[in-house]
Amino acid sequence: MGNDGGSIPDRRDLVKSRPKAEQADKANQIRALWLFCALSKRPLQEPVVSCALGKLYNKDALIEYLLDRSAYGDGEEICGHIRSLKDVKTLKLTPRSPPLPPDSDTAKFVCPLNLKEMNGAYPFCYLSSCGCVFSQAGLRSVIGATPPSKDSLSGEDADAGAGAGVVDKDQLDVCPQCATKFSRSSDVLAINPSKDEEERMRIVMDARRSREPAKTKTKKRKAGATDAIEGSGVASKKKKELANSHSPSPAPAVNPAIVTASKALTSSLAAEEAKRKAGMSDAVKSLYRSKYDQPRKETFTTMGTFTRYA
């Protein structure tokens, strides 16, 4: 360290600075939001759906998740608010021309109004009434600015507008692509919004769901089952009454010829059996025992021989 004609170290050689914390690449984050499915992390492929929070999903991946909630590890965190396919809207996306190869990293969809790429550089939105997707700038340029409310007009203009029915806070506009009517205040939803906007959209979603009527399927099923039981009880009572009202049918008549023939057959068989036993020798008869005979200790193999157990 000196007195040898060598180099003189300075501070940066002696003091090691603290390494900076690693930061996520914003470009990759934006690319993941706009080009890949939020659930399966695969490239977006039609049909593409979006929820009330503006996230993009492949429809097949979302169906797989709804059938098996454990199919994706972070599924509950990403789309736990989705209860069924009724909570999402299939988007009508406009593919760019000419189409890109499947493995391309460039945006596959554009705005049909101003042909801006759907890659996160420009804010996009979709209409919940029809599912058409536009850039916010393109939609604003076509439908114009927000219509004035009654408070911003003068007294005479407000009265005239109210009488004509022109000025309305919930005025309906027409979709520039499919001509479906929509409301600017409730039907225009942002795609991949900011954190603050997403929280506002979540509050609106919860408020809308709280206004939904409660399901009454169980009550209807119980009522239907009760009616079915009562109906079956009434039907069984009617059957019993009908059965009791009819007189019992008489026993069928027996043909005397059949009775005589059966008796003759029985007697002939008994006579043949008696003849067969009469012609048997004593040795043969000893092999056959009647059910009325006393039981013996000896068996068939020891019969007629000496045995201590007989």
C-alpha atoms as a PDB file:
ATOM      1  CA  MET A   1       0.000   0.000   0.000  1.00  0.00           C
ATOM      2  CA  GLY A   2       2.428   2.653  -1.125  1.00  0.00           C
ATOM      3  CA  ASN A   3       6.177   3.311  -1.027  1.00  0.00           C
ATOM      4  CA  ASP A   4       6.607   0.711  -3.739  1.00  0.00           C
ATOM      5  CA  GLY A   5       5.840   2.788  -6.794  1.00  0.00           C
ATOM      6  CA  GLY A   6       2.529   0.932  -7.348  1.00  0.00           C
ATOM      7  CA  SER A   7      -0.979   2.250  -7.936  1.00  0.00           C
ATOM      8  CA  ILE A   8      -2.830   4.190  -5.279  1.00  0.00           C
ATOM      9  CA  PRO A   9      -6.261   2.673  -4.431  1.00  0.00           C
ATOM     10  CA  ASP A  10      -9.216   4.988  -4.068  1.00  0.00           C
ATOM     11  CA  ARG A  11     -12.581   4.638  -2.308  1.00  0.00           C
ATOM     12  CA  ARG A  12     -14.332   2.560  -4.925  1.00  0.00           C
ATOM     13  CA  ASP A  13     -11.567  -0.033  -4.677  1.00  0.00           C
ATOM     14  CA  LEU A  14     -11.760  -0.275  -0.891  1.00  0.00           C
ATOM     15  CA  VAL A  15     -15.484   0.185  -0.158  1.00  0.00           C
ATOM     16  CA  LYS A  16     -18.040  -2.140  -1.670  1.00  0.00           C
ATOM     17  CA  SER A  17     -21.351  -0.419  -2.295  1.00  0.00           C
ATOM     18  CA  ARG A  18     -24.608  -2.142  -1.374  1.00  0.00           C
ATOM     19  CA  PRO A  19     -26.148  -3.887  -4.387  1.00  0.00           C
ATOM     20  CA  LYS A  20     -29.388  -2.422  -5.668  1.00  0.00           C
ATOM     21  CA  ALA A  21     -32.547  -4.391  -5.273  1.00  0.00           C
ATOM     22  CA  GLU A  22     -33.612  -6.198  -8.399  1.00  0.00           C
ATOM     23  CA  GLN A  23     -36.615  -4.649 -10.077  1.00  0.00           C
ATOM     24  CA  ALA A  24     -39.061  -6.409 -12.349  1.00  0.00           C
ATOM     25  CA  ASP A  25     -38.869  -5.512 -15.979  1.00  0.00           C
ATOM     26  CA  LYS A  26     -41.907  -3.344 -16.727  1.00  0.00           C
ATOM     27  CA  ALA A  27     -41.790  -4.223 -20.404  1.00  0.00           C
ATOM     28  CA  ASN A  28     -42.105  -7.923 -19.609  1.00  0.00           C
ATOM     29  CA  GLN A  29     -44.920  -7.242 -17.148  1.00  0.00           C
ATOM     30  CA  ILE A  30     -46.894  -5.296 -19.744  1.00  0.00           C
ATOM     31  CA  ARG A  31     -46.213  -7.978 -22.337  1.00  0.00           C
ATOM     32  CA  ALA A  32     -47.486 -10.687 -19.965  1.00  0.00           C
ATOM     33  CA  LEU A  33     -50.701  -8.743 -19.291  1.00  0.00           C
ATOM     34  CA  TRP A  34     -51.645  -8.075 -22.903  1.00  0.00           C
ATOM     35  CA  LEU A  35     -50.277 -11.049 -24.833  1.00  0.00           C
ATOM     36  CA  PHE A  36     -50.808 -13.954 -22.421  1.00  0.00           C
ATOM     37  CA  CYS A  37     -53.702 -15.497 -20.514  1.00  0.00           C
ATOM     38  CA  ALA A  38     -53.839 -14.268 -16.916  1.00  0.00           C
ATOM     39  CA  LEU A  39     -54.711 -17.766 -15.659  1.00  0.00           C
ATOM     40  CA  SER A  40     -52.772 -20.294 -17.747  1.00  0.00           C
ATOM     41  CA  LYS A  41     -49.909 -17.937 -18.761  1.00  0.00           C
ATOM     42  CA  ARG A  42     -50.234 -19.201 -22.339  1.00  0.00           C
ATOM     43  CA  PRO A  43     -50.472 -16.910 -25.396  1.00  0.00           C
ATOM     44  CA  LEU A  44     -53.924 -15.492 -25.969  1.00  0.00           C
ATOM     45  CA  GLN A  45     -55.925 -17.447 -28.508  1.00  0.00           C
ATOM     46  CA  GLU A  46     -59.522 -16.952 -29.531  1.00  0.00           C
ATOM     47  CA  PRO A  47     -61.988 -17.356 -27.966  1.00  0.00           C
ATOM     48  CA  VAL A  48     -60.791 -14.816 -25.398  1.00  0.00           C
ATOM     49  CA  VAL A  49     -62.966 -13.731 -22.471  1.00  0.00           C
ATOM     50  CA  SER A  50     -62.720 -10.928 -19.933  1.00  0.00           C
ATOM     51  CA  CYS A  51     -64.153 -10.549 -16.442  1.00  0.00           C
ATOM     52  CA  ALA A  52     -65.626  -7.526 -14.695  1.00  0.00           C
ATOM     53  CA  LEU A  53     -62.101  -6.521 -13.608  1.00  0.00           C
ATOM     54  CA  GLY A  54     -60.788  -6.334 -17.173  1.00  0.00           C
ATOM     55  CA  LYS A  55     -58.436  -9.350 -17.092  1.00  0.00           C
ATOM     56  CA  LEU A  56     -57.922 -11.429 -20.215  1.00  0.00           C
ATOM     57  CA  TYR A  57     -58.306 -15.226 -20.230  1.00  0.00           C
ATOM     58  CA  ASN A  58     -58.338 -18.036 -22.738  1.00  0.00           C
ATOM     59  CA  LYS A  59     -61.833 -19.482 -22.569  1.00  0.00           C
ATOM     60  CA  ASP A  60     -60.649 -23.108 -22.540  1.00  0.00           C
ATOM     61  CA  ALA A  61     -58.342 -22.430 -19.571  1.00  0.00           C
ATOM     62  CA  LEU A  62     -61.155 -20.719 -17.664  1.00  0.00           C
ATOM     63  CA  ILE A  63     -63.527 -23.647 -18.304  1.00  0.00           C
ATOM     64  CA  GLU A  64     -60.853 -26.028 -17.046  1.00  0.00           C
ATOM     65  CA  TYR A  65     -60.529 -23.939 -13.884  1.00  0.00           C
ATOM     66  CA  LEU A  66     -64.293 -23.833 -13.290  1.00  0.00           C
ATOM     67  CA  LEU A  67     -64.476 -27.626 -13.610  1.00  0.00           C
ATOM     68  CA  ASP A  68     -61.512 -28.166 -11.290  1.00  0.00           C
ATOM     69  CA  ARG A  69     -60.625 -25.255  -8.992  1.00  0.00           C
ATOM     70  CA  SER A  70     -57.285 -26.881  -8.158  1.00  0.00           C
ATOM     71  CA  ALA A  71     -56.160 -27.111 -11.794  1.00  0.00           C
ATOM     72  CA  TYR A  72     -54.045 -23.950 -11.389  1.00  0.00           C
ATOM     73  CA  GLY A  73     -52.112 -23.176  -8.219  1.00  0.00           C
ATOM     74  CA  ASP A  74     -52.868 -19.440  -8.085  1.00  0.00           C
ATOM     75  CA  GLY A  75     -56.314 -19.708  -9.655  1.00  0.00           C
ATOM     76  CA  GLU A  76     -58.176 -18.463  -6.572  1.00  0.00           C
ATOM     77  CA  GLU A  77     -55.993 -15.357  -6.341  1.00  0.00           C
ATOM     78  CA  ILE A  78     -56.346 -14.493 -10.026  1.00  0.00           C
ATOM     79  CA  CYS A  79     -59.955 -15.329 -10.853  1.00  0.00           C
ATOM     80  CA  GLY A  80     -61.579 -16.395  -7.581  1.00  0.00           C
ATOM     81  CA  HIS A  81     -64.297 -13.814  -8.199  1.00  0.00           C
ATOM     82  CA  ILE A  82     -65.517 -15.723 -11.277  1.00  0.00           C
ATOM     83  CA  ARG A  83     -68.385 -18.034 -10.310  1.00  0.00           C
ATOM     84  CA  SER A  84     -69.409 -19.272 -13.767  1.00  0.00           C
ATOM     85  CA  LEU A  85     -69.217 -18.369 -17.439  1.00  0.00           C
ATOM     86  CA  LYS A  86     -72.008 -15.851 -16.821  1.00  0.00           C
ATOM     87  CA  ASP A  87     -69.458 -13.642 -15.025  1.00  0.00           C
ATOM     88  CA  VAL A  88     -67.279 -13.245 -18.146  1.00  0.00           C
ATOM     89  CA  LYS A  89     -67.843 -11.840 -21.627  1.00  0.00           C
ATOM     90  CA  THR A  90     -66.511 -13.321 -24.842  1.00  0.00           C
ATOM     91  CA  LEU A  91     -64.559 -10.582 -26.637  1.00  0.00           C
ATOM     92  CA  LYS A  92     -64.912  -9.749 -30.316  1.00  0.00           C
ATOM     93  CA  LEU A  93     -61.284  -9.068 -31.159  1.00  0.00           C
ATOM     94  CA  THR A  94     -60.011  -7.702 -34.473  1.00  0.00           C
ATOM     95  CA  PRO A  95     -56.923  -9.641 -35.672  1.00  0.00           C
ATOM     96  CA  ARG A  96     -54.235  -7.689 -37.407  1.00  0.00           C
ATOM     97  CA  SER A  97     -53.712  -8.124 -41.113  1.00  0.00           C
ATOM     98  CA  PRO A  98     -51.753 -10.002 -42.305  1.00  0.00           C
ATOM     99  CA  PRO A  99     -51.941 -12.538 -39.446  1.00  0.00           C
ATOM    100  CA  LEU A 100     -48.781 -13.231 -37.492  1.00  0.00           C
ATOM    101  CA  PRO A 101     -47.232 -16.656 -36.827  1.00  0.00           C
ATOM    102  CA  PRO A 102     -48.279 -18.325 -33.545  1.00  0.00           C
ATOM    103  CA  ASP A 103     -44.848 -17.919 -31.912  1.00  0.00           C
ATOM    104  CA  SER A 104     -44.608 -14.183 -32.594  1.00  0.00           C
ATOM    105  CA  ASP A 105     -44.198 -11.745 -29.674  1.00  0.00           C
ATOM    106  CA  THR A 106     -46.053  -8.960 -31.472  1.00  0.00           C
ATOM    107  CA  ALA A 107     -49.647  -8.037 -30.616  1.00  0.00           C
ATOM    108  CA  LYS A 108     -52.114 -10.193 -32.570  1.00  0.00           C
ATOM    109  CA  PHE A 109     -55.102  -7.852 -32.212  1.00  0.00           C
ATOM    110  CA  VAL A 110     -55.732  -4.214 -33.105  1.00  0.00           C
ATOM    111  CA  CYS A 111     -58.434  -1.609 -32.659  1.00  0.00           C
ATOM    112  CA  PRO A 112     -60.886  -1.715 -35.593  1.00  0.00           C
ATOM    113  CA  LEU A 113     -61.303   2.082 -35.502  1.00  0.00           C
ATOM    114  CA  ASN A 114     -57.738   3.426 -35.585  1.00  0.00           C
ATOM    115  CA  LEU A 115     -55.740   0.140 -36.025  1.00  0.00           C
ATOM    116  CA  LYS A 116     -53.686   0.696 -32.882  1.00  0.00           C
ATOM    117  CA  GLU A 117     -52.024  -2.444 -31.582  1.00  0.00           C
ATOM    118  CA  MET A 118     -53.406  -4.061 -28.435  1.00  0.00           C
ATOM    119  CA  ASN A 119     -50.003  -4.385 -26.750  1.00  0.00           C
ATOM    120  CA  GLY A 120     -50.327  -2.186 -23.644  1.00  0.00           C
ATOM    121  CA  ALA A 121     -48.977   0.985 -25.220  1.00  0.00           C
ATOM    122  CA  TYR A 122     -52.514   2.357 -25.558  1.00  0.00           C
ATOM    123  CA  PRO A 123     -55.449   1.896 -23.162  1.00  0.00           C
ATOM    124  CA  PHE A 124     -58.152  -0.421 -24.472  1.00  0.00           C
ATOM    125  CA  CYS A 125     -61.714  -1.133 -23.346  1.00  0.00           C
ATOM    126  CA  TYR A 126     -64.584  -3.426 -24.237  1.00  0.00           C
ATOM    127  CA  LEU A 127     -68.360  -3.112 -24.190  1.00  0.00           C
ATOM    128  CA  SER A 128     -70.049  -5.513 -21.788  1.00  0.00           C
ATOM    129  CA  SER A 129     -73.248  -5.427 -23.860  1.00  0.00           C
ATOM    130  CA  CYS A 130     -71.724  -6.912 -27.035  1.00  0.00           C
ATOM    131  CA  GLY A 131     -68.052  -7.723 -26.288  1.00  0.00           C
ATOM    132  CA  CYS A 132     -66.518  -5.485 -28.970  1.00  0.00           C
ATOM    133  CA  VAL A 133     -63.008  -4.235 -28.154  1.00  0.00           C
ATOM    134  CA  PHE A 134     -61.734  -0.741 -28.999  1.00  0.00           C
ATOM    135  CA  SER A 135     -58.967   1.566 -27.977  1.00  0.00           C
ATOM    136  CA  GLN A 136     -60.242   4.268 -25.674  1.00  0.00           C
ATOM    137  CA  ALA A 137     -59.020   6.983 -28.029  1.00  0.00           C
ATOM    138  CA  GLY A 138     -60.746   5.402 -31.022  1.00  0.00           C
ATOM    139  CA  LEU A 139     -64.038   4.912 -29.178  1.00  0.00           C
ATOM    140  CA  ARG A 140     -63.919   8.466 -27.837  1.00  0.00           C
ATOM    141  CA  SER A 141     -63.321   9.870 -31.311  1.00  0.00           C
ATOM    142  CA  VAL A 142     -66.337   8.029 -32.746  1.00  0.00           C
ATOM    143  CA  ILE A 143     -68.999   8.486 -30.042  1.00  0.00           C
ATOM    144  CA  GLY A 144     -67.732  11.906 -28.944  1.00  0.00           C
ATOM    145  CA  ALA A 145     -67.260  13.342 -25.468  1.00  0.00           C
ATOM    146  CA  THR A 146     -69.502  12.598 -22.501  1.00  0.00           C
ATOM    147  CA  PRO A 147     -72.939  14.156 -23.100  1.00  0.00           C
ATOM    148  CA  PRO A 148     -73.803  17.155 -20.878  1.00  0.00           C
ATOM    149  CA  SER A 149     -76.009  16.583 -17.863  1.00  0.00           C
ATOM    150  CA  LYS A 150     -79.018  18.592 -16.762  1.00  0.00           C
ATOM    151  CA  ASP A 151     -76.997  20.502 -14.167  1.00  0.00           C
ATOM    152  CA  SER A 152     -74.624  21.915 -16.778  1.00  0.00           C
ATOM    153  CA  LEU A 153     -77.432  23.326 -18.919  1.00  0.00           C
ATOM    154  CA  SER A 154     -79.361  26.525 -18.366  1.00  0.00           C
ATOM    155  CA  GLY A 155     -82.899  26.448 -17.048  1.00  0.00           C
ATOM    156  CA  GLU A 156     -84.674  26.906 -20.402  1.00  0.00           C
ATOM    157  CA  ASP A 157     -82.400  24.426 -22.183  1.00  0.00           C
ATOM    158  CA  ALA A 158     -82.851  21.886 -19.406  1.00  0.00           C
ATOM    159  CA  ASP A 159     -86.640  22.234 -19.532  1.00  0.00           C
ATOM    160  CA  ALA A 160     -86.620  21.941 -23.307  1.00  0.00           C
ATOM    161  CA  GLY A 161     -84.374  18.924 -23.226  1.00  0.00           C
ATOM    162  CA  ALA A 162     -86.454  17.257 -20.535  1.00  0.00           C
ATOM    163  CA  GLY A 163     -89.609  17.880 -22.536  1.00  0.00           C
ATOM    164  CA  ALA A 164     -88.087  16.428 -25.688  1.00  0.00           C
ATOM    165  CA  GLY A 165     -86.481  13.515 -23.839  1.00  0.00           C
ATOM    166  CA  VAL A 166     -83.071  14.150 -25.419  1.00  0.00           C
ATOM    167  CA  VAL A 167     -80.869  14.835 -22.418  1.00  0.00           C
ATOM    168  CA  ASP A 168     -80.489  11.806 -20.143  1.00  0.00           C
ATOM    169  CA  LYS A 169     -77.771  10.949 -17.724  1.00  0.00           C
ATOM    170  CA  ASP A 170     -77.896   7.301 -18.851  1.00  0.00           C
ATOM    171  CA  GLN A 171     -78.082   8.060 -22.545  1.00  0.00           C
ATOM    172  CA  LEU A 172     -77.525   4.965 -24.733  1.00  0.00           C
ATOM    173  CA  ASP A 173     -75.028   4.971 -27.571  1.00  0.00           C
ATOM    174  CA  VAL A 174     -74.610   2.588 -30.497  1.00  0.00           C
ATOM    175  CA  CYS A 175     -71.579   0.350 -30.882  1.00  0.00           C
ATOM    176  CA  PRO A 176     -69.638   1.492 -33.957  1.00  0.00           C
ATOM    177  CA  GLN A 177     -68.886  -2.117 -34.932  1.00  0.00           C
ATOM    178  CA  CYS A 178     -72.087  -4.134 -34.362  1.00  0.00           C
ATOM    179  CA  ALA A 179     -74.695  -1.389 -33.710  1.00  0.00           C
ATOM    180  CA  THR A 180     -75.597  -2.730 -30.266  1.00  0.00           C
ATOM    181  CA  LYS A 181     -76.787  -0.165 -27.753  1.00  0.00           C
ATOM    182  CA  PHE A 182     -74.686   0.417 -24.648  1.00  0.00           C
ATOM    183  CA  SER A 183     -74.408   2.817 -21.729  1.00  0.00           C
ATOM    184  CA  ARG A 184     -71.240   4.883 -21.309  1.00  0.00           C
ATOM    185  CA  SER A 185     -71.509   4.833 -17.537  1.00  0.00           C
ATOM    186  CA  SER A 186     -71.891   1.090 -16.958  1.00  0.00           C
ATOM    187  CA  ASP A 187     -71.083  -0.877 -20.135  1.00  0.00           C
ATOM    188  CA  VAL A 188     -67.612   0.474 -20.993  1.00  0.00           C
ATOM    189  CA  LEU A 189     -65.002  -1.553 -19.053  1.00  0.00           C
ATOM    190  CA  ALA A 190     -61.247  -0.983 -19.191  1.00  0.00           C
ATOM    191  CA  ILE A 191     -58.932  -3.861 -20.096  1.00  0.00           C
ATOM    192  CA  ASN A 192     -56.002  -4.440 -17.737  1.00  0.00           C
ATOM    193  CA  PRO A 193     -56.697  -1.273 -15.719  1.00  0.00           C
ATOM    194  CA  SER A 194     -54.435   0.292 -13.111  1.00  0.00           C
ATOM    195  CA  LYS A 195     -54.601  -0.743  -9.461  1.00  0.00           C
ATOM    196  CA  ASP A 196     -56.860   2.148  -8.476  1.00  0.00           C
ATOM    197  CA  GLU A 197     -59.165   1.575 -11.421  1.00  0.00           C
ATOM    198  CA  GLU A 198     -59.297  -2.144 -10.659  1.00  0.00           C
ATOM    199  CA  GLU A 199     -60.373  -1.445  -7.067  1.00  0.00           C
ATOM    200  CA  ARG A 200     -63.129   0.846  -8.330  1.00  0.00           C
ATOM    201  CA  MET A 201     -64.298  -1.836 -10.786  1.00  0.00           C
ATOM    202  CA  ARG A 202     -64.307  -4.418  -7.984  1.00  0.00           C
ATOM    203  CA  ILE A 203     -66.540  -2.172  -5.851  1.00  0.00           C
ATOM    204  CA  VAL A 204     -68.939  -1.755  -8.770  1.00  0.00           C
ATOM    205  CA  MET A 205     -68.947  -5.537  -9.346  1.00  0.00           C
ATOM    206  CA  ASP A 206     -69.714  -6.260  -5.683  1.00  0.00           C
ATOM    207  CA  ALA A 207     -72.497  -3.668  -5.649  1.00  0.00           C
ATOM    208  CA  ARG A 208     -74.062  -5.174  -8.764  1.00  0.00           C
ATOM    209  CA  ARG A 209     -73.923  -8.694  -7.322  1.00  0.00           C
ATOM    210  CA  SER A 210     -75.496  -7.525  -4.068  1.00  0.00           C
ATOM    211  CA  ARG A 211     -78.509  -6.318  -6.044  1.00  0.00           C
ATOM    212  CA  GLU A 212     -78.998  -9.695  -7.714  1.00  0.00           C
ATOM    213  CA  PRO A 213     -82.080 -11.603  -6.497  1.00  0.00           C
ATOM    214  CA  ALA A 214     -81.479 -14.612  -4.300  1.00  0.00           C
ATOM    215  CA  LYS A 215     -81.699 -18.012  -5.935  1.00  0.00           C
ATOM    216  CA  THR A 216     -84.949 -19.888  -5.283  1.00  0.00           C
ATOM    217  CA  LYS A 217     -84.199 -23.166  -7.045  1.00  0.00           C
ATOM    218  CA  THR A 218     -84.188 -25.185  -3.835  1.00  0.00           C
ATOM    219  CA  LYS A 219     -87.607 -23.877  -2.823  1.00  0.00           C
ATOM    220  CA  LYS A 220     -89.036 -24.695  -6.238  1.00  0.00           C
ATOM    221  CA  ARG A 221     -87.571 -28.183  -6.136  1.00  0.00           C
ATOM    222  CA  LYS A 222     -88.941 -28.797  -2.637  1.00  0.00           C
ATOM    223  CA  ALA A 223     -92.364 -27.544  -3.705  1.00  0.00           C
ATOM    224  CA  GLY A 224     -92.283 -29.783  -6.776  1.00  0.00           C
ATOM    225  CA  ALA A 225     -91.299 -32.805  -4.660  1.00  0.00           C
ATOM    226  CA  THR A 226     -94.131 -32.101  -2.205  1.00  0.00           C
ATOM    227  CA  ASP A 227     -96.642 -31.833  -5.036  1.00  0.00           C
ATOM    228  CA  ALA A 228     -95.349 -35.082  -6.526  1.00  0.00           C
ATOM    229  CA  ILE A 229     -95.710 -36.887  -3.172  1.00  0.00           C
ATOM    230  CA  GLU A 230     -99.227 -35.551  -2.699  1.00  0.00           C
ATOM    231  CA  GLY A 231    -100.150 -36.516  -6.240  1.00  0.00           C
ATOM    232  CA  SER A 232     -98.827 -40.054  -5.776  1.00  0.00           C
ATOM    233  CA  GLY A 233    -100.784 -40.368  -2.494  1.00  0.00           C
ATOM    234  CA  VAL A 234    -104.013 -39.298  -4.188  1.00  0.00           C
ATOM    235  CA  ALA A 235    -103.395 -41.719  -7.048  1.00  0.00           C
ATOM    236  CA  SER A 236    -102.754 -44.635  -4.647  1.00  0.00           C
ATOM    237  CA  LYS A 237    -105.965 -43.801  -2.743  1.00  0.00           C
ATOM    238  CA  LYS A 238    -107.935 -43.818  -5.982  1.00  0.00           C
ATOM    239  CA  LYS A 239    -106.486 -47.194  -6.943  1.00  0.00           C
ATOM    240  CA  LYS A 240    -107.423 -48.655  -3.542  1.00  0.00           C
ATOM    241  CA  GLU A 241    -110.947 -47.306  -3.852  1.00  0.00           C
ATOM    242  CA  LEU A 242    -111.309 -48.791  -7.308  1.00  0.00           C
ATOM    243  CA  ALA A 243    -109.969 -52.139  -6.067  1.00  0.00           C
ATOM    244  CA  ASN A 244    -112.389 -52.190  -3.133  1.00  0.00           C
ATOM    245  CA  SER A 245    -115.346 -51.187  -5.257  1.00  0.00           C
ATOM    246  CA  HIS A 246    -115.014 -54.256  -7.521  1.00  0.00           C
ATOM    247  CA  SER A 247    -116.384 -57.585  -6.214  1.00  0.00           C
ATOM    248  CA  PRO A 248    -113.898 -60.439  -5.853  1.00  0.00           C
ATOM    249  CA  SER A 249    -113.803 -62.696  -8.881  1.00  0.00           C
ATOM    250  CA  PRO A 250    -114.944 -66.330  -8.381  1.00  0.00           C
ATOM    251  CA  ALA A 251    -112.406 -69.162  -8.374  1.00  0.00           C
ATOM    252  CA  PRO A 252    -111.904 -70.735 -11.794  1.00  0.00           C
ATOM    253  CA  ALA A 253    -113.777 -74.023 -12.385  1.00  0.00           C
ATOM    254  CA  VAL A 254    -111.672 -77.203 -12.415  1.00  0.00           C
ATOM    255  CA  ASN A 255    -112.164 -79.641 -15.275  1.00  0.00           C
ATOM    256  CA  PRO A 256    -113.171 -83.026 -13.778  1.00  0.00           C
ATOM    257  CA  ALA A 257    -111.441 -84.901 -16.591  1.00  0.00           C
ATOM    258  CA  ILE A 258    -108.079 -83.385 -15.599  1.00  0.00           C
ATOM    259  CA  VAL A 259    -108.604 -84.368 -11.944  1.00  0.00           C
ATOM    260  CA  THR A 260    -109.444 -87.960 -12.886  1.00  0.00           C
ATOM    261  CA  ALA A 261    -106.403 -88.253 -15.161  1.00  0.00           C
ATOM    262  CA  SER A 262    -104.026 -86.932 -12.472  1.00  0.00           C
ATOM    263  CA  LYS A 263    -105.366 -89.411  -9.900  1.00  0.00           C
ATOM    264  CA  ALA A 264    -104.967 -92.313 -12.345  1.00  0.00           C
ATOM    265  CA  LEU A 265    -101.361 -91.278 -13.086  1.00  0.00           C
ATOM    266  CA  THR A 266    -100.493 -91.054  -9.398  1.00  0.00           C
ATOM    267  CA  SER A 267    -101.925 -94.527  -8.665  1.00  0.00           C
ATOM    268  CA  SER A 268    -100.096 -96.093 -11.621  1.00  0.00           C
ATOM    269  CA  LEU A 269     -96.767 -94.650 -10.503  1.00  0.00           C
ATOM    270  CA  ALA A 270     -97.307 -95.947  -6.967  1.00  0.00           C
ATOM    271  CA  ALA A 271     -98.104 -99.461  -8.313  1.00  0.00           C
ATOM    272  CA  GLU A 272     -94.950 -99.512 -10.451  1.00  0.00           C
ATOM    273  CA  GLU A 273     -92.825 -98.484  -7.452  1.00  0.00           C
ATOM    274  CA  ALA A 274     -94.330-101.268  -5.321  1.00  0.00           C
ATOM    275  CA  LYS A 275     -93.601-103.864  -8.047  1.00  0.00           C
ATOM    276  CA  ARG A 276     -90.011-102.658  -8.363  1.00  0.00           C
ATOM    277  CA  LYS A 277     -89.380-102.989  -4.622  1.00  0.00           C
ATOM    278  CA  ALA A 278     -91.063-106.429  -4.485  1.00  0.00           C
ATOM    279  CA  GLY A 279     -88.591-107.864  -7.014  1.00  0.00           C
ATOM    280  CA  MET A 280     -85.533-106.603  -5.075  1.00  0.00           C
ATOM    281  CA  SER A 281     -83.313-108.980  -3.102  1.00  0.00           C
ATOM    282  CA  ASP A 282     -82.537-108.418   0.559  1.00  0.00           C
ATOM    283  CA  ALA A 283     -79.011-107.247  -0.275  1.00  0.00           C
ATOM    284  CA  VAL A 284     -80.322-104.598  -2.626  1.00  0.00           C
ATOM    285  CA  LYS A 285     -83.055-103.569  -0.203  1.00  0.00           C
ATOM    286  CA  SER A 286     -80.430-103.084   2.503  1.00  0.00           C
ATOM    287  CA  LEU A 287     -78.866-100.352   0.414  1.00  0.00           C
ATOM    288  CA  TYR A 288     -82.051 -98.283   0.460  1.00  0.00           C
ATOM    289  CA  ARG A 289     -83.441 -96.919   3.667  1.00  0.00           C
ATOM    290  CA  SER A 290     -86.706 -95.282   4.373  1.00  0.00           C
ATOM    291  CA  LYS A 291     -86.911 -91.946   6.130  1.00  0.00           C
ATOM    292  CA  TYR A 292     -88.818 -93.661   8.896  1.00  0.00           C
ATOM    293  CA  ASP A 293     -86.045 -96.199   9.679  1.00  0.00           C
ATOM    294  CA  GLN A 294     -83.869 -95.819  12.750  1.00  0.00           C
ATOM    295  CA  PRO A 295     -80.488 -94.166  12.057  1.00  0.00           C
ATOM    296  CA  ARG A 296     -77.433 -96.421  11.992  1.00  0.00           C
ATOM    297  CA  LYS A 297     -73.923 -95.761  13.151  1.00  0.00           C
ATOM    298  CA  GLU A 298     -72.319 -97.595  10.273  1.00  0.00           C
ATOM    299  CA  THR A 299     -71.878 -95.905   6.908  1.00  0.00           C
ATOM    300  CA  PHE A 300     -72.088 -97.251   3.383  1.00  0.00           C
ATOM    301  CA  THR A 301     -68.363 -98.091   3.333  1.00  0.00           C
ATOM    302  CA  THR A 302     -68.420-100.010   6.614  1.00  0.00           C
ATOM    303  CA  MET A 303     -71.786-101.676   6.157  1.00  0.00           C
ATOM    304  CA  GLY A 304     -71.534-105.500   6.643  1.00  0.00           C
ATOM    305  CA  THR A 305     -67.944-105.384   7.954  1.00  0.00           C
ATOM    306  CA  PHE A 306     -66.453-105.448  11.431  1.00  0.00           C
ATOM    307  CA  THR A 307     -65.701-102.063  12.915  1.00  0.00           C
ATOM    308  CA  ARG A 308     -65.277-101.055  16.504  1.00  0.00           C
ATOM    309  CA  TYR A 309     -67.249 -97.853  15.866  1.00  0.00           C
ATOM    310  CA  ALA A 310     -70.333 -99.615  14.468  1.00  0.00           C
END
